[in-house]
Amino acid sequence: MKHSPSKILEFKSAKDPIKVLGSFLSYNQNKNVEENFMKRIRKMKTELNLWLSRDLTLYGKSLLAKTLGVSQLIYAASMLSVPTPVIKNVQAELFNFLWKNKKDKMKKLGKGVLTLLTFLQW
């Protein structure tokens, strides 16, 4: 009975998100967003906040935002659809880090010296 043909495809579906290649998959969209994006955004925020006490130039902050911030989210965003609120949340966190939690000092970011891309462009 161990190799019975009727038992080959019998499996139980998981209720919790399953981790596959570093990303979580679930039927529940809210759990997908929480596991794949919101946890990484919180981690990005804490890592970037560690650098706020340093007296970095705008170029240095831009470089840290790209390497420590966006790089953590690119992999998940390349495989899964990213909801609009998540994109806005990431942008807000990156600008808060860039301007030390003060009001934005630039309206538009184009092809200037910093070339800080928006998360949507990645």
C-alpha atoms as a PDB file:
ATOM      1  CA  MET A   1       0.000   0.000   0.000  1.00  0.00           C
ATOM      2  CA  LYS A   2       3.020   2.249   0.325  1.00  0.00           C
ATOM      3  CA  HIS A   3       3.270   2.852  -3.421  1.00  0.00           C
ATOM      4  CA  SER A   4      -0.424   2.876  -4.167  1.00  0.00           C
ATOM      5  CA  PRO A   5      -1.289   5.003  -7.252  1.00  0.00           C
ATOM      6  CA  SER A   6      -4.237   6.530  -5.435  1.00  0.00           C
ATOM      7  CA  LYS A   7      -1.956   8.099  -2.803  1.00  0.00           C
ATOM      8  CA  ILE A   8       0.493   9.793  -5.166  1.00  0.00           C
ATOM      9  CA  LEU A   9      -1.278  13.127  -5.559  1.00  0.00           C
ATOM     10  CA  GLU A  10      -2.884  13.349  -2.146  1.00  0.00           C
ATOM     11  CA  PHE A  11      -1.488  16.331  -0.299  1.00  0.00           C
ATOM     12  CA  LYS A  12      -2.758  18.871   2.140  1.00  0.00           C
ATOM     13  CA  SER A  13      -2.871  22.534   1.199  1.00  0.00           C
ATOM     14  CA  ALA A  14      -1.098  24.873   3.557  1.00  0.00           C
ATOM     15  CA  LYS A  15      -3.043  27.476   5.500  1.00  0.00           C
ATOM     16  CA  ASP A  16       0.038  29.506   6.335  1.00  0.00           C
ATOM     17  CA  PRO A  17       2.217  31.179   3.681  1.00  0.00           C
ATOM     18  CA  ILE A  18       4.817  28.895   2.125  1.00  0.00           C
ATOM     19  CA  LYS A  19       8.350  30.184   1.614  1.00  0.00           C
ATOM     20  CA  VAL A  20       9.567  29.480  -1.919  1.00  0.00           C
ATOM     21  CA  LEU A  21      12.915  30.882  -3.119  1.00  0.00           C
ATOM     22  CA  GLY A  22      12.888  33.559  -0.452  1.00  0.00           C
ATOM     23  CA  SER A  23       9.337  34.780  -1.102  1.00  0.00           C
ATOM     24  CA  PHE A  24       6.164  33.804   0.681  1.00  0.00           C
ATOM     25  CA  LEU A  25       3.177  32.517  -1.261  1.00  0.00           C
ATOM     26  CA  SER A  26      -0.340  32.265   0.086  1.00  0.00           C
ATOM     27  CA  TYR A  27      -3.940  32.436  -1.062  1.00  0.00           C
ATOM     28  CA  ASN A  28      -4.465  35.321   1.363  1.00  0.00           C
ATOM     29  CA  GLN A  29      -3.294  38.529  -0.336  1.00  0.00           C
ATOM     30  CA  ASN A  30      -2.912  40.378   2.985  1.00  0.00           C
ATOM     31  CA  LYS A  31      -0.519  37.707   4.274  1.00  0.00           C
ATOM     32  CA  ASN A  32       1.445  37.909   1.031  1.00  0.00           C
ATOM     33  CA  VAL A  33       1.877  41.667   1.380  1.00  0.00           C
ATOM     34  CA  GLU A  34       2.773  41.397   5.074  1.00  0.00           C
ATOM     35  CA  GLU A  35       5.343  38.636   4.644  1.00  0.00           C
ATOM     36  CA  ASN A  36       6.926  39.806   1.394  1.00  0.00           C
ATOM     37  CA  PHE A  37       6.864  43.582   1.683  1.00  0.00           C
ATOM     38  CA  MET A  38       5.873  45.017   5.052  1.00  0.00           C
ATOM     39  CA  LYS A  39       8.438  43.010   7.051  1.00  0.00           C
ATOM     40  CA  ARG A  40      11.153  44.048   4.605  1.00  0.00           C
ATOM     41  CA  ILE A  41      10.045  47.683   4.743  1.00  0.00           C
ATOM     42  CA  ARG A  42      10.265  47.641   8.555  1.00  0.00           C
ATOM     43  CA  LYS A  43      13.732  46.072   8.344  1.00  0.00           C
ATOM     44  CA  MET A  44      14.784  48.675   5.755  1.00  0.00           C
ATOM     45  CA  LYS A  45      13.499  51.474   7.986  1.00  0.00           C
ATOM     46  CA  THR A  46      15.463  50.277  11.022  1.00  0.00           C
ATOM     47  CA  GLU A  47      18.657  49.842   8.986  1.00  0.00           C
ATOM     48  CA  LEU A  48      18.335  53.308   7.476  1.00  0.00           C
ATOM     49  CA  ASN A  49      17.493  54.887  10.847  1.00  0.00           C
ATOM     50  CA  LEU A  50      20.806  53.617  12.199  1.00  0.00           C
ATOM     51  CA  TRP A  51      22.527  55.901   9.684  1.00  0.00           C
ATOM     52  CA  LEU A  52      20.456  59.013  10.522  1.00  0.00           C
ATOM     53  CA  SER A  53      22.747  59.983  13.381  1.00  0.00           C
ATOM     54  CA  ARG A  54      25.724  60.174  11.008  1.00  0.00           C
ATOM     55  CA  ASP A  55      26.478  63.413   9.270  1.00  0.00           C
ATOM     56  CA  LEU A  56      26.228  62.100   5.719  1.00  0.00           C
ATOM     57  CA  THR A  57      26.098  64.104   2.541  1.00  0.00           C
ATOM     58  CA  LEU A  58      23.073  63.935   0.328  1.00  0.00           C
ATOM     59  CA  TYR A  59      25.040  61.755  -2.068  1.00  0.00           C
ATOM     60  CA  GLY A  60      25.947  59.346   0.750  1.00  0.00           C
ATOM     61  CA  LYS A  61      22.331  59.121   1.905  1.00  0.00           C
ATOM     62  CA  SER A  62      21.235  58.496  -1.664  1.00  0.00           C
ATOM     63  CA  LEU A  63      23.754  55.685  -1.988  1.00  0.00           C
ATOM     64  CA  LEU A  64      22.615  54.107   1.300  1.00  0.00           C
ATOM     65  CA  ALA A  65      18.962  54.399   0.290  1.00  0.00           C
ATOM     66  CA  LYS A  66      19.699  52.524  -2.913  1.00  0.00           C
ATOM     67  CA  THR A  67      21.909  49.817  -1.414  1.00  0.00           C
ATOM     68  CA  LEU A  68      20.336  49.187   1.995  1.00  0.00           C
ATOM     69  CA  GLY A  69      16.811  50.257   1.189  1.00  0.00           C
ATOM     70  CA  VAL A  70      15.672  49.387  -2.278  1.00  0.00           C
ATOM     71  CA  SER A  71      17.917  46.386  -2.827  1.00  0.00           C
ATOM     72  CA  GLN A  72      16.039  44.445  -0.150  1.00  0.00           C
ATOM     73  CA  LEU A  73      12.728  44.882  -1.948  1.00  0.00           C
ATOM     74  CA  ILE A  74      13.759  44.445  -5.580  1.00  0.00           C
ATOM     75  CA  TYR A  75      13.822  40.646  -5.517  1.00  0.00           C
ATOM     76  CA  ALA A  76      10.306  40.289  -4.120  1.00  0.00           C
ATOM     77  CA  ALA A  77       9.003  43.066  -6.356  1.00  0.00           C
ATOM     78  CA  SER A  78      10.426  41.395  -9.455  1.00  0.00           C
ATOM     79  CA  MET A  79       8.411  38.226  -8.830  1.00  0.00           C
ATOM     80  CA  LEU A  80       5.196  39.511  -7.270  1.00  0.00           C
ATOM     81  CA  SER A  81       2.795  42.306  -8.014  1.00  0.00           C
ATOM     82  CA  VAL A  82       3.420  45.268  -5.730  1.00  0.00           C
ATOM     83  CA  PRO A  83       0.327  47.052  -4.403  1.00  0.00           C
ATOM     84  CA  THR A  84       0.188  50.831  -4.767  1.00  0.00           C
ATOM     85  CA  PRO A  85       0.110  51.499  -0.984  1.00  0.00           C
ATOM     86  CA  VAL A  86       3.364  49.544  -0.616  1.00  0.00           C
ATOM     87  CA  ILE A  87       5.026  51.651  -3.323  1.00  0.00           C
ATOM     88  CA  LYS A  88       3.885  54.852  -1.605  1.00  0.00           C
ATOM     89  CA  ASN A  89       5.097  53.552   1.756  1.00  0.00           C
ATOM     90  CA  VAL A  90       8.560  52.731   0.382  1.00  0.00           C
ATOM     91  CA  GLN A  91       8.833  56.136  -1.291  1.00  0.00           C
ATOM     92  CA  ALA A  92       7.829  57.879   1.934  1.00  0.00           C
ATOM     93  CA  GLU A  93      10.415  55.950   3.943  1.00  0.00           C
ATOM     94  CA  LEU A  94      13.170  56.688   1.421  1.00  0.00           C
ATOM     95  CA  PHE A  95      12.386  60.405   1.362  1.00  0.00           C
ATOM     96  CA  ASN A  96      12.152  60.518   5.156  1.00  0.00           C
ATOM     97  CA  PHE A  97      15.639  59.044   5.343  1.00  0.00           C
ATOM     98  CA  LEU A  98      16.975  61.327   2.632  1.00  0.00           C
ATOM     99  CA  TRP A  99      15.711  64.487   4.333  1.00  0.00           C
ATOM    100  CA  LYS A 100      16.151  63.309   7.964  1.00  0.00           C
ATOM    101  CA  ASN A 101      12.393  63.063   8.617  1.00  0.00           C
ATOM    102  CA  LYS A 102      11.855  66.692   7.597  1.00  0.00           C
ATOM    103  CA  LYS A 103       9.856  68.208   4.757  1.00  0.00           C
ATOM    104  CA  ASP A 104      11.076  67.338   1.233  1.00  0.00           C
ATOM    105  CA  LYS A 105      13.455  69.906  -0.200  1.00  0.00           C
ATOM    106  CA  MET A 106      13.076  68.806  -3.816  1.00  0.00           C
ATOM    107  CA  LYS A 107       9.858  68.542  -5.752  1.00  0.00           C
ATOM    108  CA  LYS A 108      11.020  66.437  -8.693  1.00  0.00           C
ATOM    109  CA  LEU A 109      13.887  64.045  -9.054  1.00  0.00           C
ATOM    110  CA  GLY A 110      15.203  63.877 -12.572  1.00  0.00           C
ATOM    111  CA  LYS A 111      18.546  63.039 -14.040  1.00  0.00           C
ATOM    112  CA  GLY A 112      20.541  65.199 -11.693  1.00  0.00           C
ATOM    113  CA  VAL A 113      23.602  64.554  -9.607  1.00  0.00           C
ATOM    114  CA  LEU A 114      21.902  62.129  -7.212  1.00  0.00           C
ATOM    115  CA  THR A 115      19.777  60.187  -9.691  1.00  0.00           C
ATOM    116  CA  LEU A 116      17.685  58.780  -6.878  1.00  0.00           C
ATOM    117  CA  LEU A 117      15.121  56.689  -8.671  1.00  0.00           C
ATOM    118  CA  THR A 118      11.676  56.071  -7.362  1.00  0.00           C
ATOM    119  CA  PHE A 119      10.812  52.555  -6.241  1.00  0.00           C
ATOM    120  CA  LEU A 120       8.318  52.338  -9.083  1.00  0.00           C
ATOM    121  CA  GLN A 121      11.120  52.787 -11.645  1.00  0.00           C
ATOM    122  CA  TRP A 122      13.119  49.818 -10.318  1.00  0.00           C
END
